[in-house]
Every structure is written in structure tokens, then in C-alpha cells.
Amino acid sequence: MDDLKEATHRKASFLQTMRAVLWSFIGLRKGSGHEADMAKLNPVHVIIAGLIAAAVFVGVLILIVRTVVGQAAG
């Protein structure tokens, strides 16, 4: 139970978590940076940031497809 409390009270802000998640989406992260992030990031923040990043990614893909299909049809 103490491990769960410790994991949810880590020191990184939500913006730092969002930055780490975006780096992981791109796939350009050093091993040392990853280890440092894992020591600081709040797992709840990581899940929320991942869901937000995934939703934005899907939204951008839908926008691109609609634009391309609209130009091809018209």
C-alpha cells in the first residue's frame, strides 16, 4: 500500500509528464532520460496525458484525411 501512495505522490508536474509522453509518441528518448522520468512521473498523470495525446493524434489524422478526400473529390 505504501508503494501505491509513493507512486501517486511523485514530483513531476503535469506539463513535464505531457512532455515525456509526447517524446515517447515520437520515439526519440534517451535511456537515461527515460529512467529519470520513471522516477519522477505520476502514473495517473501518464495515463491521462497518454489519452489526451492519443485523442489529439486521432483528431489530426481525421482532419488530414477529410482534407485530402475533400480535395480529391472536388
PDB file of N, CA and C in Angstrom:
ATOM      1  N   MET A   1       0.827  -1.189   0.000  1.00  0.00           N
ATOM      2  CA  MET A   1       0.000   0.000   0.000  1.00  0.00           C
ATOM      3  C   MET A   1       0.869   1.250   0.000  1.00  0.00           C
ATOM      4  N   ASP A   2       1.992   1.214   0.670  1.00  0.00           N
ATOM      5  CA  ASP A   2       2.886   2.365   0.691  1.00  0.00           C
ATOM      6  C   ASP A   2       3.467   2.648  -0.692  1.00  0.00           C
ATOM      7  N   ASP A   3       3.696   1.595  -1.480  1.00  0.00           N
ATOM      8  CA  ASP A   3       4.208   1.779  -2.837  1.00  0.00           C
ATOM      9  C   ASP A   3       3.217   2.540  -3.696  1.00  0.00           C
ATOM     10  N   LEU A   4       1.918   2.260  -3.537  1.00  0.00           N
ATOM     11  CA  LEU A   4       0.888   2.952  -4.296  1.00  0.00           C
ATOM     12  C   LEU A   4       0.831   4.425  -3.913  1.00  0.00           C
ATOM     13  N   LYS A   5       0.915   4.713  -2.625  1.00  0.00           N
ATOM     14  CA  LYS A   5       0.916   6.108  -2.170  1.00  0.00           C
ATOM     15  C   LYS A   5       2.140   6.845  -2.699  1.00  0.00           C
ATOM     16  N   GLU A   6       3.284   6.198  -2.665  1.00  0.00           N
ATOM     17  CA  GLU A   6       4.523   6.818  -3.146  1.00  0.00           C
ATOM     18  C   GLU A   6       4.445   7.065  -4.648  1.00  0.00           C
ATOM     19  N   ALA A   7       3.848   6.144  -5.376  1.00  0.00           N
ATOM     20  CA  ALA A   7       3.762   6.268  -6.834  1.00  0.00           C
ATOM     21  C   ALA A   7       2.848   7.410  -7.250  1.00  0.00           C
ATOM     22  N   THR A   8       1.812   7.681  -6.473  1.00  0.00           N
ATOM     23  CA  THR A   8       0.880   8.737  -6.842  1.00  0.00           C
ATOM     24  C   THR A   8       1.283  10.099  -6.298  1.00  0.00           C
ATOM     25  N   HIS A   9       2.343  10.189  -5.510  1.00  0.00           N
ATOM     26  CA  HIS A   9       2.810  11.461  -4.974  1.00  0.00           C
ATOM     27  C   HIS A   9       4.214  11.795  -5.467  1.00  0.00           C
ATOM     28  N   ARG A  10       4.460  11.579  -6.735  1.00  0.00           N
ATOM     29  CA  ARG A  10       5.771  11.893  -7.292  1.00  0.00           C
ATOM     30  C   ARG A  10       5.856  13.365  -7.628  1.00  0.00           C
ATOM     31  N   LYS A  11       7.035  13.830  -8.022  1.00  0.00           N
ATOM     32  CA  LYS A  11       7.332  15.239  -8.060  1.00  0.00           C
ATOM     33  C   LYS A  11       7.115  15.955  -9.398  1.00  0.00           C
ATOM     34  N   ALA A  12       6.949  15.264 -10.488  1.00  0.00           N
ATOM     35  CA  ALA A  12       6.849  15.903 -11.800  1.00  0.00           C
ATOM     36  C   ALA A  12       5.480  16.555 -11.982  1.00  0.00           C
ATOM     37  N   SER A  13       5.479  17.707 -12.664  1.00  0.00           N
ATOM     38  CA  SER A  13       4.221  18.389 -12.952  1.00  0.00           C
ATOM     39  C   SER A  13       3.528  17.705 -14.126  1.00  0.00           C
ATOM     40  N   PHE A  14       2.285  18.099 -14.367  1.00  0.00           N
ATOM     41  CA  PHE A  14       1.550  17.506 -15.478  1.00  0.00           C
ATOM     42  C   PHE A  14       2.193  17.892 -16.811  1.00  0.00           C
ATOM     43  N   LEU A  15       2.720  19.108 -16.924  1.00  0.00           N
ATOM     44  CA  LEU A  15       3.391  19.522 -18.161  1.00  0.00           C
ATOM     45  C   LEU A  15       4.646  18.687 -18.421  1.00  0.00           C
ATOM     46  N   GLN A  16       5.397  18.379 -17.391  1.00  0.00           N
ATOM     47  CA  GLN A  16       6.572  17.518 -17.554  1.00  0.00           C
ATOM     48  C   GLN A  16       6.141  16.115 -17.989  1.00  0.00           C
ATOM     49  N   THR A  17       5.034  15.649 -17.438  1.00  0.00           N
ATOM     50  CA  THR A  17       4.511  14.346 -17.820  1.00  0.00           C
ATOM     51  C   THR A  17       4.063  14.367 -19.274  1.00  0.00           C
ATOM     52  N   MET A  18       3.382  15.435 -19.682  1.00  0.00           N
ATOM     53  CA  MET A  18       2.920  15.548 -21.059  1.00  0.00           C
ATOM     54  C   MET A  18       4.105  15.557 -22.025  1.00  0.00           C
ATOM     55  N   ARG A  19       5.162  16.257 -21.647  1.00  0.00           N
ATOM     56  CA  ARG A  19       6.362  16.301 -22.490  1.00  0.00           C
ATOM     57  C   ARG A  19       6.974  14.900 -22.633  1.00  0.00           C
ATOM     58  N   ALA A  20       7.046  14.161 -21.544  1.00  0.00           N
ATOM     59  CA  ALA A  20       7.605  12.807 -21.588  1.00  0.00           C
ATOM     60  C   ALA A  20       6.739  11.890 -22.456  1.00  0.00           C
ATOM     61  N   VAL A  21       5.427  12.031 -22.366  1.00  0.00           N
ATOM     62  CA  VAL A  21       4.525  11.207 -23.172  1.00  0.00           C
ATOM     63  C   VAL A  21       4.679  11.556 -24.650  1.00  0.00           C
ATOM     64  N   LEU A  22       4.774  12.843 -24.973  1.00  0.00           N
ATOM     65  CA  LEU A  22       4.949  13.247 -26.368  1.00  0.00           C
ATOM     66  C   LEU A  22       6.275  12.736 -26.927  1.00  0.00           C
ATOM     67  N   TRP A  23       7.347  12.782 -26.123  1.00  0.00           N
ATOM     68  CA  TRP A  23       8.625  12.215 -26.567  1.00  0.00           C
ATOM     69  C   TRP A  23       8.477  10.729 -26.841  1.00  0.00           C
ATOM     70  N   SER A  24       7.706  10.041 -26.018  1.00  0.00           N
ATOM     71  CA  SER A  24       7.531   8.606 -26.231  1.00  0.00           C
ATOM     72  C   SER A  24       6.697   8.332 -27.477  1.00  0.00           C
ATOM     73  N   PHE A  25       5.756   9.210 -27.814  1.00  0.00           N
ATOM     74  CA  PHE A  25       4.990   9.053 -29.050  1.00  0.00           C
ATOM     75  C   PHE A  25       5.914   9.155 -30.252  1.00  0.00           C
ATOM     76  N   ILE A  26       6.863  10.085 -30.190  1.00  0.00           N
ATOM     77  CA  ILE A  26       7.803  10.276 -31.297  1.00  0.00           C
ATOM     78  C   ILE A  26       8.835   9.147 -31.315  1.00  0.00           C
ATOM     79  N   GLY A  27       9.213   8.674 -30.151  1.00  0.00           N
ATOM     80  CA  GLY A  27      10.186   7.587 -30.063  1.00  0.00           C
ATOM     81  C   GLY A  27      11.625   8.058 -29.986  1.00  0.00           C
ATOM     82  N   LEU A  28      11.823   9.315 -29.624  1.00  0.00           N
ATOM     83  CA  LEU A  28      13.174   9.873 -29.532  1.00  0.00           C
ATOM     84  C   LEU A  28      13.508  10.176 -28.075  1.00  0.00           C
ATOM     85  N   ARG A  29      13.772   9.153 -27.309  1.00  0.00           N
ATOM     86  CA  ARG A  29      14.055   9.334 -25.887  1.00  0.00           C
ATOM     87  C   ARG A  29      15.293   8.546 -25.513  1.00  0.00           C
ATOM     88  N   LYS A  30      16.213   9.200 -24.834  1.00  0.00           N
ATOM     89  CA  LYS A  30      17.410   8.513 -24.343  1.00  0.00           C
ATOM     90  C   LYS A  30      17.050   7.628 -23.158  1.00  0.00           C
ATOM     91  N   GLY A  31      17.814   6.584 -22.963  1.00  0.00           N
ATOM     92  CA  GLY A  31      17.578   5.675 -21.843  1.00  0.00           C
ATOM     93  C   GLY A  31      17.714   6.346 -20.499  1.00  0.00           C
ATOM     94  N   SER A  32      18.693   7.241 -20.377  1.00  0.00           N
ATOM     95  CA  SER A  32      18.888   7.929 -19.095  1.00  0.00           C
ATOM     96  C   SER A  32      17.730   8.870 -18.804  1.00  0.00           C
ATOM     97  N   GLY A  33      17.216   9.530 -19.827  1.00  0.00           N
ATOM     98  CA  GLY A  33      16.064  10.410 -19.647  1.00  0.00           C
ATOM     99  C   GLY A  33      14.820   9.628 -19.273  1.00  0.00           C
ATOM    100  N   HIS A  34      14.678   8.472 -19.866  1.00  0.00           N
ATOM    101  CA  HIS A  34      13.540   7.606 -19.553  1.00  0.00           C
ATOM    102  C   HIS A  34      13.593   7.158 -18.097  1.00  0.00           C
ATOM    103  N   GLU A  35      14.768   6.753 -17.647  1.00  0.00           N
ATOM    104  CA  GLU A  35      14.920   6.314 -16.251  1.00  0.00           C
ATOM    105  C   GLU A  35      14.634   7.458 -15.280  1.00  0.00           C
ATOM    106  N   ALA A  36      15.099   8.657 -15.611  1.00  0.00           N
ATOM    107  CA  ALA A  36      14.845   9.814 -14.742  1.00  0.00           C
ATOM    108  C   ALA A  36      13.351  10.119 -14.688  1.00  0.00           C
ATOM    109  N   ASP A  37      12.681  10.023 -15.836  1.00  0.00           N
ATOM    110  CA  ASP A  37      11.240  10.269 -15.869  1.00  0.00           C
ATOM    111  C   ASP A  37      10.480   9.244 -15.048  1.00  0.00           C
ATOM    112  N   MET A  38      10.855   7.991 -15.150  1.00  0.00           N
ATOM    113  CA  MET A  38      10.149   6.948 -14.419  1.00  0.00           C
ATOM    114  C   MET A  38      10.252   7.150 -12.910  1.00  0.00           C
ATOM    115  N   ALA A  39      11.328   7.775 -12.469  1.00  0.00           N
ATOM    116  CA  ALA A  39      11.495   8.020 -11.037  1.00  0.00           C
ATOM    117  C   ALA A  39      10.626   9.181 -10.558  1.00  0.00           C
ATOM    118  N   LYS A  40      10.255  10.099 -11.479  1.00  0.00           N
ATOM    119  CA  LYS A  40       9.535  11.310 -11.081  1.00  0.00           C
ATOM    120  C   LYS A  40       8.073  11.341 -11.476  1.00  0.00           C
ATOM    121  N   LEU A  41       7.691  10.652 -12.551  1.00  0.00           N
ATOM    122  CA  LEU A  41       6.350  10.810 -13.097  1.00  0.00           C
ATOM    123  C   LEU A  41       5.282  10.105 -12.271  1.00  0.00           C
ATOM    124  N   ASN A  42       4.125  10.740 -12.206  1.00  0.00           N
ATOM    125  CA  ASN A  42       2.967  10.188 -11.532  1.00  0.00           C
ATOM    126  C   ASN A  42       2.231   9.288 -12.528  1.00  0.00           C
ATOM    127  N   PRO A  43       1.993   8.023 -12.206  1.00  0.00           N
ATOM    128  CA  PRO A  43       1.339   7.109 -13.146  1.00  0.00           C
ATOM    129  C   PRO A  43      -0.046   7.583 -13.610  1.00  0.00           C
ATOM    130  N   VAL A  44      -0.787   8.232 -12.736  1.00  0.00           N
ATOM    131  CA  VAL A  44      -2.102   8.756 -13.113  1.00  0.00           C
ATOM    132  C   VAL A  44      -1.947   9.846 -14.166  1.00  0.00           C
ATOM    133  N   HIS A  45      -0.956  10.716 -13.988  1.00  0.00           N
ATOM    134  CA  HIS A  45      -0.689  11.765 -14.977  1.00  0.00           C
ATOM    135  C   HIS A  45      -0.283  11.151 -16.318  1.00  0.00           C
ATOM    136  N   VAL A  46       0.492  10.083 -16.277  1.00  0.00           N
ATOM    137  CA  VAL A  46       0.941   9.431 -17.517  1.00  0.00           C
ATOM    138  C   VAL A  46      -0.257   8.884 -18.284  1.00  0.00           C
ATOM    139  N   ILE A  47      -1.199   8.260 -17.599  1.00  0.00           N
ATOM    140  CA  ILE A  47      -2.383   7.707 -18.253  1.00  0.00           C
ATOM    141  C   ILE A  47      -3.225   8.822 -18.863  1.00  0.00           C
ATOM    142  N   ILE A  48      -3.460   9.880 -18.102  1.00  0.00           N
ATOM    143  CA  ILE A  48      -4.265  10.998 -18.605  1.00  0.00           C
ATOM    144  C   ILE A  48      -3.580  11.666 -19.794  1.00  0.00           C
ATOM    145  N   ALA A  49      -2.276  11.908 -19.684  1.00  0.00           N
ATOM    146  CA  ALA A  49      -1.527  12.535 -20.780  1.00  0.00           C
ATOM    147  C   ALA A  49      -1.529  11.644 -22.019  1.00  0.00           C
ATOM    148  N   GLY A  50      -1.417  10.353 -21.840  1.00  0.00           N
ATOM    149  CA  GLY A  50      -1.453   9.422 -22.968  1.00  0.00           C
ATOM    150  C   GLY A  50      -2.801   9.427 -23.675  1.00  0.00           C
ATOM    151  N   LEU A  51      -3.876   9.475 -22.906  1.00  0.00           N
ATOM    152  CA  LEU A  51      -5.211   9.536 -23.508  1.00  0.00           C
ATOM    153  C   LEU A  51      -5.419  10.837 -24.270  1.00  0.00           C
ATOM    154  N   ILE A  52      -4.960  11.948 -23.701  1.00  0.00           N
ATOM    155  CA  ILE A  52      -5.075  13.241 -24.380  1.00  0.00           C
ATOM    156  C   ILE A  52      -4.261  13.238 -25.665  1.00  0.00           C
ATOM    157  N   ALA A  53      -3.025  12.771 -25.596  1.00  0.00           N
ATOM    158  CA  ALA A  53      -2.161  12.746 -26.782  1.00  0.00           C
ATOM    159  C   ALA A  53      -2.738  11.834 -27.863  1.00  0.00           C
ATOM    160  N   ALA A  54      -3.289  10.701 -27.477  1.00  0.00           N
ATOM    161  CA  ALA A  54      -3.886   9.786 -28.450  1.00  0.00           C
ATOM    162  C   ALA A  54      -5.112  10.411 -29.106  1.00  0.00           C
ATOM    163  N   ALA A  55      -5.938  11.099 -28.331  1.00  0.00           N
ATOM    164  CA  ALA A  55      -7.127  11.750 -28.887  1.00  0.00           C
ATOM    165  C   ALA A  55      -6.738  12.857 -29.869  1.00  0.00           C
ATOM    166  N   VAL A  56      -5.726  13.640 -29.520  1.00  0.00           N
ATOM    167  CA  VAL A  56      -5.263  14.691 -30.423  1.00  0.00           C
ATOM    168  C   VAL A  56      -4.691  14.072 -31.695  1.00  0.00           C
ATOM    169  N   PHE A  57      -3.923  13.009 -31.569  1.00  0.00           N
ATOM    170  CA  PHE A  57      -3.342  12.330 -32.723  1.00  0.00           C
ATOM    171  C   PHE A  57      -4.427  11.828 -33.667  1.00  0.00           C
ATOM    172  N   VAL A  58      -5.444  11.170 -33.126  1.00  0.00           N
ATOM    173  CA  VAL A  58      -6.546  10.656 -33.951  1.00  0.00           C
ATOM    174  C   VAL A  58      -7.297  11.819 -34.596  1.00  0.00           C
ATOM    175  N   GLY A  59      -7.530  12.894 -33.849  1.00  0.00           N
ATOM    176  CA  GLY A  59      -8.207  14.069 -34.406  1.00  0.00           C
ATOM    177  C   GLY A  59      -7.449  14.677 -35.570  1.00  0.00           C
ATOM    178  N   VAL A  60      -6.131  14.774 -35.450  1.00  0.00           N
ATOM    179  CA  VAL A  60      -5.303  15.309 -36.532  1.00  0.00           C
ATOM    180  C   VAL A  60      -5.355  14.388 -37.748  1.00  0.00           C
ATOM    181  N   LEU A  61      -5.300  13.092 -37.534  1.00  0.00           N
ATOM    182  CA  LEU A  61      -5.401  12.152 -38.655  1.00  0.00           C
ATOM    183  C   LEU A  61      -6.742  12.274 -39.370  1.00  0.00           C
ATOM    184  N   ILE A  62      -7.819  12.397 -38.627  1.00  0.00           N
ATOM    185  CA  ILE A  62      -9.148  12.558 -39.234  1.00  0.00           C
ATOM    186  C   ILE A  62      -9.205  13.849 -40.035  1.00  0.00           C
ATOM    187  N   LEU A  63      -8.654  14.927 -39.499  1.00  0.00           N
ATOM    188  CA  LEU A  63      -8.628  16.207 -40.207  1.00  0.00           C
ATOM    189  C   LEU A  63      -7.832  16.108 -41.509  1.00  0.00           C
ATOM    190  N   ILE A  64      -6.698  15.444 -41.472  1.00  0.00           N
ATOM    191  CA  ILE A  64      -5.874  15.275 -42.678  1.00  0.00           C
ATOM    192  C   ILE A  64      -6.628  14.458 -43.731  1.00  0.00           C
ATOM    193  N   VAL A  65      -7.249  13.356 -43.299  1.00  0.00           N
ATOM    194  CA  VAL A  65      -7.974  12.502 -44.249  1.00  0.00           C
ATOM    195  C   VAL A  65      -9.145  13.269 -44.869  1.00  0.00           C
ATOM    196  N   ARG A  66      -9.906  13.995 -44.066  1.00  0.00           N
ATOM    197  CA  ARG A  66     -11.035  14.767 -44.603  1.00  0.00           C
ATOM    198  C   ARG A  66     -10.552  15.820 -45.607  1.00  0.00           C
ATOM    199  N   THR A  67      -9.430  16.464 -45.309  1.00  0.00           N
ATOM    200  CA  THR A  67      -8.893  17.465 -46.217  1.00  0.00           C
ATOM    201  C   THR A  67      -8.465  16.838 -47.539  1.00  0.00           C
ATOM    202  N   VAL A  68      -7.758  15.735 -47.486  1.00  0.00           N
ATOM    203  CA  VAL A  68      -7.277  15.077 -48.706  1.00  0.00           C
ATOM    204  C   VAL A  68      -8.451  14.537 -49.524  1.00  0.00           C
ATOM    205  N   VAL A  69      -9.404  13.896 -48.873  1.00  0.00           N
ATOM    206  CA  VAL A  69     -10.554  13.336 -49.592  1.00  0.00           C
ATOM    207  C   VAL A  69     -11.402  14.460 -50.179  1.00  0.00           C
ATOM    208  N   GLY A  70     -11.557  15.551 -49.453  1.00  0.00           N
ATOM    209  CA  GLY A  70     -12.326  16.689 -49.949  1.00  0.00           C
ATOM    210  C   GLY A  70     -11.685  17.323 -51.175  1.00  0.00           C
ATOM    211  N   GLN A  71     -10.359  17.402 -51.206  1.00  0.00           N
ATOM    212  CA  GLN A  71      -9.670  17.964 -52.355  1.00  0.00           C
ATOM    213  C   GLN A  71      -9.712  17.015 -53.544  1.00  0.00           C
ATOM    214  N   ALA A  72      -9.685  15.722 -53.302  1.00  0.00           N
ATOM    215  CA  ALA A  72      -9.699  14.740 -54.388  1.00  0.00           C
ATOM    216  C   ALA A  72     -11.076  14.671 -55.042  1.00  0.00           C
ATOM    217  N   ALA A  73     -12.134  14.855 -54.251  1.00  0.00           N
ATOM    218  CA  ALA A  73     -13.496  14.744 -54.781  1.00  0.00           C
ATOM    219  C   ALA A  73     -13.920  16.026 -55.504  1.00  0.00           C
ATOM    220  N   GLY A  74     -13.393  17.156 -55.089  1.00  0.00           N
ATOM    221  CA  GLY A  74     -13.874  18.434 -55.626  1.00  0.00           C
ATOM    222  C   GLY A  74     -12.963  19.005 -56.587  1.00  0.00           C
TER     223      GLY A  74
END
